[in-house]
Amino acid sequence: MSEGQAKAKRVEKEELKNFEPAKKAQTLTIEQRVQRLDNLKKAMVLGNSYKSKCSIVFEDAEGLKNVETTIWMSNELHIVLKGGIVIPISCIRDVIV
């Protein structure tokens, strides 16, 4: 379990219907951004090919949250979860595949 995952409030993906992004963006190094995108792509492939779930630690207007779900789509700006829920990449702290 990552440090962020331990501090984050566990939520169900259905609770994210009214997702409100965090006001300030995270400050990450280039290496951290590349790693995050790589983990998101792996999670997307596992979700689409094998129906595997991943754990996503992200920050919204209320604070740090953790959701276990399947990523259906991922690009450099956002991810899309089952049910059409969109989370900006800038809000994602960690992806555990």
Protein backbone atom coordinates (compact mmCIF):
# COMPACT_ATOMS: atom_id res chain seq x y z
CA MET A 1 0.00 0.00 0.00
CA SER A 2 1.41 3.38 -1.00
CA GLU A 3 1.62 6.31 1.43
CA GLY A 4 -1.02 8.22 -0.55
CA GLN A 5 -3.28 5.19 -0.63
CA ALA A 6 -3.03 4.85 3.16
CA LYS A 7 -4.00 8.51 3.73
CA ALA A 8 -6.77 8.61 1.13
CA LYS A 9 -10.48 8.19 1.84
CA ARG A 10 -11.83 5.08 0.11
CA VAL A 11 -14.76 5.82 -2.24
CA GLU A 12 -16.84 3.86 -4.72
CA LYS A 13 -16.74 4.94 -8.36
CA GLU A 14 -20.46 5.72 -8.25
CA GLU A 15 -19.66 8.45 -5.71
CA LEU A 16 -17.57 10.25 -8.35
CA LYS A 17 -20.54 11.33 -10.49
CA ASN A 18 -20.15 14.91 -9.18
CA PHE A 19 -16.35 14.89 -9.23
CA GLU A 20 -14.88 18.32 -8.60
CA PRO A 21 -11.12 18.59 -9.35
CA ALA A 22 -8.68 19.93 -6.79
CA LYS A 23 -8.08 23.69 -7.07
CA LYS A 24 -4.29 23.43 -7.34
CA ALA A 25 -2.31 21.12 -9.60
CA GLN A 26 0.38 18.83 -8.27
CA THR A 27 4.04 19.57 -8.79
CA LEU A 28 5.69 16.50 -10.31
CA THR A 29 9.03 15.88 -11.93
CA ILE A 30 9.15 14.79 -15.56
CA GLU A 31 10.08 11.27 -14.42
CA GLN A 32 7.05 11.12 -12.09
CA ARG A 33 4.74 12.27 -14.89
CA VAL A 34 6.14 9.68 -17.27
CA GLN A 35 5.74 6.95 -14.63
CA ARG A 36 2.15 8.00 -13.93
CA LEU A 37 1.24 7.92 -17.64
CA ASP A 38 2.95 4.52 -18.01
CA ASN A 39 0.99 3.11 -15.04
CA LEU A 40 -2.26 4.54 -16.43
CA LYS A 41 -1.65 2.92 -19.82
CA LYS A 42 -0.88 -0.44 -18.16
CA ALA A 43 -4.05 -0.15 -16.06
CA MET A 44 -6.11 0.70 -19.14
CA VAL A 45 -4.81 -2.32 -21.07
CA LEU A 46 -5.41 -4.63 -18.12
CA GLY A 47 -8.90 -3.23 -17.65
CA ASN A 48 -9.93 -3.46 -21.29
CA SER A 49 -8.28 -6.81 -22.02
CA TYR A 50 -8.65 -8.70 -18.75
CA LYS A 51 -11.31 -6.69 -16.84
CA SER A 52 -8.72 -6.08 -14.11
CA LYS A 53 -9.22 -3.24 -11.65
CA CYS A 54 -6.57 -0.87 -10.41
CA SER A 55 -6.40 1.46 -7.44
CA ILE A 56 -6.30 5.18 -8.23
CA VAL A 57 -5.28 7.73 -5.60
CA PHE A 58 -6.44 11.20 -6.60
CA GLU A 59 -7.23 14.59 -5.13
CA ASP A 60 -10.54 16.35 -5.51
CA ALA A 61 -11.96 19.52 -3.92
CA GLU A 62 -12.58 17.60 -0.66
CA GLY A 63 -9.14 16.00 -0.37
CA LEU A 64 -7.28 12.78 -1.11
CA LYS A 65 -9.41 9.82 -2.27
CA ASN A 66 -8.84 6.25 -3.39
CA VAL A 67 -11.03 4.29 -5.79
CA GLU A 68 -10.68 0.76 -7.13
CA THR A 69 -12.01 0.60 -10.67
CA THR A 70 -11.36 -0.16 -14.32
CA ILE A 71 -9.85 2.52 -16.56
CA TRP A 72 -11.56 2.47 -19.94
CA MET A 73 -9.59 5.24 -21.62
CA SER A 74 -6.46 7.21 -20.83
CA ASN A 75 -4.62 10.04 -22.58
CA GLU A 76 -2.28 12.83 -21.48
CA LEU A 77 -5.12 14.99 -20.09
CA HIS A 78 -7.62 12.68 -18.39
CA ILE A 79 -8.88 9.17 -17.78
CA VAL A 80 -12.38 7.81 -18.29
CA LEU A 81 -13.80 5.23 -15.91
CA LYS A 82 -16.74 2.91 -16.42
CA GLY A 83 -19.93 4.97 -16.46
CA GLY A 84 -18.28 7.89 -18.24
CA ILE A 85 -16.64 9.35 -15.13
CA VAL A 86 -13.74 11.61 -16.12
CA ILE A 87 -10.77 12.39 -13.86
CA PRO A 88 -8.08 14.87 -14.97
CA ILE A 89 -4.57 13.38 -14.95
CA SER A 90 -3.37 16.41 -12.96
CA CYS A 91 -5.49 15.21 -9.98
CA ILE A 92 -4.04 11.68 -9.94
CA ARG A 93 -1.37 11.05 -7.34
CA ASP A 94 -0.78 7.32 -7.77
CA VAL A 95 -1.94 4.34 -9.82
CA ILE A 96 -1.49 0.87 -8.35
CA VAL A 97 -1.78 -1.82 -11.02
